Amino acid sequence: MHNFIQVPEGTTLLDLLGAKRELPSIGKKSHICASCFKPFNASRRIAGHLRTTSAELFIPVIFIYPLCRGCAEQLKQGGKKEDAVLAAVEKFINGEVSQ
């Protein structure tokens, strides 16, 4: 019927974050890995997520980007492999990759 929750008078943002399970999810489900841009299918499944936020946002929002197994493993390894995954996800975020 609607996709919002009513916020009672005197409720703080921290109160709402404590009830995060009741907050609606918004966004679009991606059908490709946010790093290598390969489509998910029966053999390539979502194996991890990159959770990010922006320092410029005024409200606490976490963006979650799906990763395939190879990219999730590279992210965990750190160093140059992690940097490569983060750079590729940044291209994904900026729309430099066609879905």
Foldseek 3Di string as FASTA:
>chain_A
DDQADDDDPPDDPVNCVVVVVPHGDDDDDDQAALQPRHGDDPVWHFDDWDWDDDPPDPHDDIDITTHTPVLVVLCVVDDPSVVSRVVSNVCSVVVVDDD
